[in-house]
Amino acid sequence: MKMRIRKVKLTPLGIAALALLTERPMHPYEMFQTLLSRHVDRVVKVRPGSLYHTVARLADDDLVRAIGTEREGNRPERTSYEITDEGRDVLREQLIGLLSIPEEEYPAFPLALTEADIVEPAVLADLLRRRLFRVRGDLASYEAGLESVTAQGLPEAYWLDLTYLRDVLAAEVRWLERTVARLESGELTWPEDPSNPQTHHHQKEQP
């Protein structure tokens, strides 16, 4: 009979750490350096202290286990960890869920747009132009990254996140360009009497 997988909620950093350990045993410092070299910090907040804490939690949950320590010169001892069979099962189960079921996420930008009518249209147009400049820069970075991995011949399975994030940024660029143009042309503007309870932003009906 197949063993039931224990329900353990992995954090994004926990998923990244376990995924690294499916490749080979590592100590947390090596994991940190590898995550940065692979630019995983573009999708997960990676901090040394948080990573060490995450690995300790994974060990407490029996998803990883310590396999030994080593010391180089006068540096502190470093403990290496390997993923357990249960760790592999939990990681796979949670990846399946994340890939198949959209999660409720609450990014700050849509919240700001919900209340954007507090800002004057001309001011909003300027703010969105500034954002557009930054997002175009991010998009160019992803395009360059895609050219690099393509030139290196890396299998696409290793950089699906790049194409996804590139396309998300491209969609945001299109939306920003369209919205700025509508604000500048006057097509998009606010009601003349924002104090009217029928038009006030706190009275907006949700879809």
C-alpha atoms as a PDB file:
ATOM      1  CA  MET A   1       0.000   0.000   0.000  1.00  0.00           C
ATOM      2  CA  LYS A   2       1.361   3.428  -0.939  1.00  0.00           C
ATOM      3  CA  MET A   3       2.387   5.548   2.035  1.00  0.00           C
ATOM      4  CA  ARG A   4       0.276   8.658   2.462  1.00  0.00           C
ATOM      5  CA  ILE A   5       2.271  11.862   2.036  1.00  0.00           C
ATOM      6  CA  ARG A   6       2.318  13.921   5.214  1.00  0.00           C
ATOM      7  CA  LYS A   7       0.849  17.388   4.808  1.00  0.00           C
ATOM      8  CA  VAL A   8       3.670  19.897   5.177  1.00  0.00           C
ATOM      9  CA  LYS A   9       3.252  23.415   3.807  1.00  0.00           C
ATOM     10  CA  LEU A  10       6.463  24.447   2.093  1.00  0.00           C
ATOM     11  CA  THR A  11       7.451  28.080   1.788  1.00  0.00           C
ATOM     12  CA  PRO A  12       8.745  29.323  -1.591  1.00  0.00           C
ATOM     13  CA  LEU A  13      12.285  29.260  -0.181  1.00  0.00           C
ATOM     14  CA  GLY A  14      11.663  25.743   1.145  1.00  0.00           C
ATOM     15  CA  ILE A  15      10.659  24.608  -2.340  1.00  0.00           C
ATOM     16  CA  ALA A  16      13.794  26.173  -3.834  1.00  0.00           C
ATOM     17  CA  ALA A  17      16.003  24.543  -1.183  1.00  0.00           C
ATOM     18  CA  LEU A  18      14.483  21.084  -1.596  1.00  0.00           C
ATOM     19  CA  ALA A  19      14.731  21.347  -5.373  1.00  0.00           C
ATOM     20  CA  LEU A  20      18.462  22.052  -5.082  1.00  0.00           C
ATOM     21  CA  LEU A  21      18.959  19.008  -2.862  1.00  0.00           C
ATOM     22  CA  THR A  22      17.373  16.754  -5.495  1.00  0.00           C
ATOM     23  CA  GLU A  23      20.567  17.391  -7.487  1.00  0.00           C
ATOM     24  CA  ARG A  24      23.121  16.581  -4.769  1.00  0.00           C
ATOM     25  CA  PRO A  25      23.800  17.113  -1.055  1.00  0.00           C
ATOM     26  CA  MET A  26      24.848  20.664  -0.177  1.00  0.00           C
ATOM     27  CA  HIS A  27      25.460  22.860   2.825  1.00  0.00           C
ATOM     28  CA  PRO A  28      23.285  25.994   3.194  1.00  0.00           C
ATOM     29  CA  TYR A  29      26.038  28.401   2.115  1.00  0.00           C
ATOM     30  CA  GLU A  30      26.529  26.477  -1.134  1.00  0.00           C
ATOM     31  CA  MET A  31      22.770  26.449  -1.604  1.00  0.00           C
ATOM     32  CA  PHE A  32      22.669  30.227  -1.140  1.00  0.00           C
ATOM     33  CA  GLN A  33      25.430  30.800  -3.686  1.00  0.00           C
ATOM     34  CA  THR A  34      23.813  28.431  -6.178  1.00  0.00           C
ATOM     35  CA  LEU A  35      20.415  30.125  -5.870  1.00  0.00           C
ATOM     36  CA  LEU A  36      22.014  33.508  -6.560  1.00  0.00           C
ATOM     37  CA  SER A  37      24.081  32.234  -9.482  1.00  0.00           C
ATOM     38  CA  ARG A  38      20.907  30.839 -11.052  1.00  0.00           C
ATOM     39  CA  HIS A  39      19.030  34.095 -10.377  1.00  0.00           C
ATOM     40  CA  VAL A  40      16.360  32.300  -8.365  1.00  0.00           C
ATOM     41  CA  ASP A  41      16.172  35.493  -6.303  1.00  0.00           C
ATOM     42  CA  ARG A  42      14.044  36.956  -9.111  1.00  0.00           C
ATOM     43  CA  VAL A  43      11.145  34.767  -7.923  1.00  0.00           C
ATOM     44  CA  VAL A  44      12.053  34.015  -4.273  1.00  0.00           C
ATOM     45  CA  LYS A  45      13.448  36.318  -1.592  1.00  0.00           C
ATOM     46  CA  VAL A  46      16.825  34.734  -0.810  1.00  0.00           C
ATOM     47  CA  ARG A  47      18.655  35.768   2.370  1.00  0.00           C
ATOM     48  CA  PRO A  48      21.374  33.739   4.139  1.00  0.00           C
ATOM     49  CA  GLY A  49      19.655  33.857   7.530  1.00  0.00           C
ATOM     50  CA  SER A  50      16.282  32.892   6.074  1.00  0.00           C
ATOM     51  CA  LEU A  51      17.829  30.016   4.134  1.00  0.00           C
ATOM     52  CA  TYR A  52      19.594  28.590   7.208  1.00  0.00           C
ATOM     53  CA  HIS A  53      16.323  28.835   9.143  1.00  0.00           C
ATOM     54  CA  THR A  54      14.431  27.173   6.285  1.00  0.00           C
ATOM     55  CA  VAL A  55      16.866  24.254   6.108  1.00  0.00           C
ATOM     56  CA  ALA A  56      16.592  23.783   9.877  1.00  0.00           C
ATOM     57  CA  ARG A  57      12.794  23.647   9.565  1.00  0.00           C
ATOM     58  CA  LEU A  58      13.045  21.133   6.722  1.00  0.00           C
ATOM     59  CA  ALA A  59      15.284  18.978   8.931  1.00  0.00           C
ATOM     60  CA  ASP A  60      12.784  19.224  11.809  1.00  0.00           C
ATOM     61  CA  ASP A  61      10.078  18.011   9.405  1.00  0.00           C
ATOM     62  CA  ASP A  62      12.307  15.091   8.270  1.00  0.00           C
ATOM     63  CA  LEU A  63      12.343  16.386   4.689  1.00  0.00           C
ATOM     64  CA  VAL A  64      16.149  16.719   4.742  1.00  0.00           C
ATOM     65  CA  ARG A  65      18.820  15.187   6.958  1.00  0.00           C
ATOM     66  CA  ALA A  66      22.338  16.178   7.927  1.00  0.00           C
ATOM     67  CA  ILE A  67      25.017  13.901   6.474  1.00  0.00           C
ATOM     68  CA  GLY A  68      28.182  15.454   7.878  1.00  0.00           C
ATOM     69  CA  THR A  69      30.153  18.589   8.602  1.00  0.00           C
ATOM     70  CA  GLU A  70      33.280  20.078   7.107  1.00  0.00           C
ATOM     71  CA  ARG A  71      35.595  22.940   7.960  1.00  0.00           C
ATOM     72  CA  GLU A  72      37.816  25.009   5.671  1.00  0.00           C
ATOM     73  CA  GLY A  73      40.593  26.860   7.439  1.00  0.00           C
ATOM     74  CA  ASN A  74      39.319  29.116  10.202  1.00  0.00           C
ATOM     75  CA  ARG A  75      35.781  29.205   8.837  1.00  0.00           C
ATOM     76  CA  PRO A  76      32.895  27.829  10.923  1.00  0.00           C
ATOM     77  CA  GLU A  77      31.866  24.223  10.377  1.00  0.00           C
ATOM     78  CA  ARG A  78      29.352  23.730   7.583  1.00  0.00           C
ATOM     79  CA  THR A  79      26.776  20.970   7.776  1.00  0.00           C
ATOM     80  CA  SER A  80      25.729  19.343   4.513  1.00  0.00           C
ATOM     81  CA  TYR A  81      22.207  18.060   3.982  1.00  0.00           C
ATOM     82  CA  GLU A  82      20.530  15.609   1.640  1.00  0.00           C
ATOM     83  CA  ILE A  83      16.871  15.317   0.748  1.00  0.00           C
ATOM     84  CA  THR A  84      14.914  12.393   2.204  1.00  0.00           C
ATOM     85  CA  ASP A  85      12.440  10.200   0.318  1.00  0.00           C
ATOM     86  CA  GLU A  86       9.625  11.986   2.139  1.00  0.00           C
ATOM     87  CA  GLY A  87      11.134  15.314   1.126  1.00  0.00           C
ATOM     88  CA  ARG A  88      11.028  14.270  -2.530  1.00  0.00           C
ATOM     89  CA  ASP A  89       7.392  13.172  -2.204  1.00  0.00           C
ATOM     90  CA  VAL A  90       6.317  16.385  -0.443  1.00  0.00           C
ATOM     91  CA  LEU A  91       8.171  18.546  -2.982  1.00  0.00           C
ATOM     92  CA  ARG A  92       6.609  16.740  -5.937  1.00  0.00           C
ATOM     93  CA  GLU A  93       3.107  16.915  -4.470  1.00  0.00           C
ATOM     94  CA  GLN A  94       3.315  20.635  -3.786  1.00  0.00           C
ATOM     95  CA  LEU A  95       4.795  21.398  -7.205  1.00  0.00           C
ATOM     96  CA  ILE A  96       1.913  19.517  -8.816  1.00  0.00           C
ATOM     97  CA  GLY A  97      -0.544  21.650  -6.854  1.00  0.00           C
ATOM     98  CA  LEU A  98       1.198  24.928  -7.665  1.00  0.00           C
ATOM     99  CA  LEU A  99       1.471  24.097 -11.361  1.00  0.00           C
ATOM    100  CA  SER A 100      -2.151  23.055 -11.753  1.00  0.00           C
ATOM    101  CA  ILE A 101      -4.139  25.298  -9.380  1.00  0.00           C
ATOM    102  CA  PRO A 102      -3.840  29.118  -9.427  1.00  0.00           C
ATOM    103  CA  GLU A 103      -3.001  30.427  -5.967  1.00  0.00           C
ATOM    104  CA  GLU A 104      -4.628  33.490  -4.448  1.00  0.00           C
ATOM    105  CA  GLU A 105      -1.873  36.077  -4.544  1.00  0.00           C
ATOM    106  CA  TYR A 106      -2.133  39.676  -3.438  1.00  0.00           C
ATOM    107  CA  PRO A 107       0.467  41.798  -5.265  1.00  0.00           C
ATOM    108  CA  ALA A 108       0.648  45.488  -4.355  1.00  0.00           C
ATOM    109  CA  PHE A 109       0.214  46.988  -7.847  1.00  0.00           C
ATOM    110  CA  PRO A 110      -3.390  45.825  -8.429  1.00  0.00           C
ATOM    111  CA  LEU A 111      -4.248  47.181  -4.960  1.00  0.00           C
ATOM    112  CA  ALA A 112      -2.770  50.556  -5.926  1.00  0.00           C
ATOM    113  CA  LEU A 113      -4.802  50.508  -9.155  1.00  0.00           C
ATOM    114  CA  THR A 114      -7.963  49.805  -7.164  1.00  0.00           C
ATOM    115  CA  GLU A 115      -7.471  53.141  -5.402  1.00  0.00           C
ATOM    116  CA  ALA A 116      -5.803  55.011  -8.281  1.00  0.00           C
ATOM    117  CA  ASP A 117      -8.734  57.427  -8.621  1.00  0.00           C
ATOM    118  CA  ILE A 118      -7.450  59.164  -5.478  1.00  0.00           C
ATOM    119  CA  VAL A 119      -4.603  60.495  -7.666  1.00  0.00           C
ATOM    120  CA  GLU A 120      -5.280  63.062 -10.380  1.00  0.00           C
ATOM    121  CA  PRO A 121      -5.281  61.615 -13.952  1.00  0.00           C
ATOM    122  CA  ALA A 122      -2.269  63.707 -15.040  1.00  0.00           C
ATOM    123  CA  VAL A 123      -0.289  62.617 -11.985  1.00  0.00           C
ATOM    124  CA  LEU A 124      -1.265  58.988 -12.544  1.00  0.00           C
ATOM    125  CA  ALA A 125      -0.126  59.194 -16.162  1.00  0.00           C
ATOM    126  CA  ASP A 126       3.279  60.427 -14.988  1.00  0.00           C
ATOM    127  CA  LEU A 127       3.555  57.690 -12.368  1.00  0.00           C
ATOM    128  CA  LEU A 128       2.647  54.986 -14.865  1.00  0.00           C
ATOM    129  CA  ARG A 129       5.184  56.372 -17.350  1.00  0.00           C
ATOM    130  CA  ARG A 130       7.854  55.960 -14.663  1.00  0.00           C
ATOM    131  CA  ARG A 131       6.725  52.410 -14.024  1.00  0.00           C
ATOM    132  CA  LEU A 132       6.688  51.719 -17.766  1.00  0.00           C
ATOM    133  CA  PHE A 133      10.318  52.834 -18.031  1.00  0.00           C
ATOM    134  CA  ARG A 134      11.357  50.391 -15.289  1.00  0.00           C
ATOM    135  CA  VAL A 135       9.283  47.492 -16.606  1.00  0.00           C
ATOM    136  CA  ARG A 136      10.712  47.943 -20.094  1.00  0.00           C
ATOM    137  CA  GLY A 137      14.166  47.667 -18.528  1.00  0.00           C
ATOM    138  CA  ASP A 138      13.197  44.470 -16.708  1.00  0.00           C
ATOM    139  CA  LEU A 139      11.747  43.079 -19.913  1.00  0.00           C
ATOM    140  CA  ALA A 140      14.979  43.809 -21.770  1.00  0.00           C
ATOM    141  CA  SER A 141      16.913  41.941 -19.046  1.00  0.00           C
ATOM    142  CA  TYR A 142      14.722  38.870 -19.449  1.00  0.00           C
ATOM    143  CA  GLU A 143      15.089  39.017 -23.232  1.00  0.00           C
ATOM    144  CA  ALA A 144      18.865  39.102 -22.791  1.00  0.00           C
ATOM    145  CA  GLY A 145      18.682  36.193 -20.343  1.00  0.00           C
ATOM    146  CA  LEU A 146      16.670  34.149 -22.812  1.00  0.00           C
ATOM    147  CA  GLU A 147      19.199  34.851 -25.558  1.00  0.00           C
ATOM    148  CA  SER A 148      21.991  33.718 -23.218  1.00  0.00           C
ATOM    149  CA  VAL A 149      20.436  30.398 -22.192  1.00  0.00           C
ATOM    150  CA  THR A 150      19.407  29.701 -25.777  1.00  0.00           C
ATOM    151  CA  ALA A 151      22.961  30.318 -26.958  1.00  0.00           C
ATOM    152  CA  GLN A 152      24.280  27.986 -24.254  1.00  0.00           C
ATOM    153  CA  GLY A 153      22.011  25.217 -25.491  1.00  0.00           C
ATOM    154  CA  LEU A 154      20.412  24.675 -22.074  1.00  0.00           C
ATOM    155  CA  PRO A 155      17.271  22.500 -22.255  1.00  0.00           C
ATOM    156  CA  GLU A 156      14.132  24.647 -22.188  1.00  0.00           C
ATOM    157  CA  ALA A 157      12.788  22.647 -19.229  1.00  0.00           C
ATOM    158  CA  TYR A 158      15.342  24.490 -17.055  1.00  0.00           C
ATOM    159  CA  TRP A 159      14.175  27.993 -17.975  1.00  0.00           C
ATOM    160  CA  LEU A 160      10.418  27.867 -18.457  1.00  0.00           C
ATOM    161  CA  ASP A 161      10.160  30.530 -15.758  1.00  0.00           C
ATOM    162  CA  LEU A 162      12.080  32.946 -17.999  1.00  0.00           C
ATOM    163  CA  THR A 163       9.594  32.678 -20.855  1.00  0.00           C
ATOM    164  CA  TYR A 164       6.658  32.990 -18.443  1.00  0.00           C
ATOM    165  CA  LEU A 165       8.034  36.062 -16.668  1.00  0.00           C
ATOM    166  CA  ARG A 166       9.089  37.615 -20.000  1.00  0.00           C
ATOM    167  CA  ASP A 167       5.551  37.260 -21.326  1.00  0.00           C
ATOM    168  CA  VAL A 168       4.012  38.619 -18.088  1.00  0.00           C
ATOM    169  CA  LEU A 169       6.235  41.705 -18.310  1.00  0.00           C
ATOM    170  CA  ALA A 170       5.442  42.115 -22.002  1.00  0.00           C
ATOM    171  CA  ALA A 171       1.725  42.078 -21.176  1.00  0.00           C
ATOM    172  CA  GLU A 172       2.256  44.710 -18.464  1.00  0.00           C
ATOM    173  CA  VAL A 173       4.198  46.900 -20.896  1.00  0.00           C
ATOM    174  CA  ARG A 174       1.295  46.748 -23.370  1.00  0.00           C
ATOM    175  CA  TRP A 175      -1.249  47.595 -20.647  1.00  0.00           C
ATOM    176  CA  LEU A 176       0.842  50.483 -19.329  1.00  0.00           C
ATOM    177  CA  GLU A 177       1.397  51.922 -22.807  1.00  0.00           C
ATOM    178  CA  ARG A 178      -2.317  51.715 -23.578  1.00  0.00           C
ATOM    179  CA  THR A 179      -3.397  53.209 -20.248  1.00  0.00           C
ATOM    180  CA  VAL A 180      -0.883  56.077 -20.335  1.00  0.00           C
ATOM    181  CA  ALA A 181      -2.040  56.945 -23.867  1.00  0.00           C
ATOM    182  CA  ARG A 182      -5.695  56.990 -22.740  1.00  0.00           C
ATOM    183  CA  LEU A 183      -4.883  59.198 -19.755  1.00  0.00           C
ATOM    184  CA  GLU A 184      -2.877  61.617 -21.890  1.00  0.00           C
ATOM    185  CA  SER A 185      -5.585  61.844 -24.560  1.00  0.00           C
ATOM    186  CA  GLY A 186      -8.329  62.439 -21.999  1.00  0.00           C
ATOM    187  CA  GLU A 187     -10.177  59.284 -22.990  1.00  0.00           C
ATOM    188  CA  LEU A 188      -9.658  57.987 -19.453  1.00  0.00           C
ATOM    189  CA  THR A 189     -10.531  60.470 -16.719  1.00  0.00           C
ATOM    190  CA  TRP A 190     -12.280  60.669 -13.357  1.00  0.00           C
ATOM    191  CA  PRO A 191     -15.866  61.776 -12.545  1.00  0.00           C
ATOM    192  CA  GLU A 192     -16.195  65.542 -12.029  1.00  0.00           C
ATOM    193  CA  ASP A 193     -17.789  65.062  -8.615  1.00  0.00           C
ATOM    194  CA  PRO A 194     -15.834  62.367  -6.770  1.00  0.00           C
ATOM    195  CA  SER A 195     -17.777  63.117  -3.570  1.00  0.00           C
ATOM    196  CA  ASN A 196     -20.922  61.718  -5.166  1.00  0.00           C
ATOM    197  CA  PRO A 197     -21.631  58.408  -3.357  1.00  0.00           C
ATOM    198  CA  GLN A 198     -22.605  56.882  -6.690  1.00  0.00           C
ATOM    199  CA  THR A 199     -19.087  57.430  -8.052  1.00  0.00           C
ATOM    200  CA  HIS A 200     -16.862  57.546  -4.960  1.00  0.00           C
ATOM    201  CA  HIS A 201     -14.149  54.890  -5.003  1.00  0.00           C
ATOM    202  CA  HIS A 202     -15.366  53.365  -1.742  1.00  0.00           C
ATOM    203  CA  GLN A 203     -18.701  52.649  -3.394  1.00  0.00           C
ATOM    204  CA  LYS A 204     -17.275  50.701  -6.317  1.00  0.00           C
ATOM    205  CA  GLU A 205     -18.950  47.417  -6.974  1.00  0.00           C
ATOM    206  CA  GLN A 206     -16.701  44.409  -7.240  1.00  0.00           C
ATOM    207  CA  PRO A 207     -17.095  41.976 -10.165  1.00  0.00           C
END
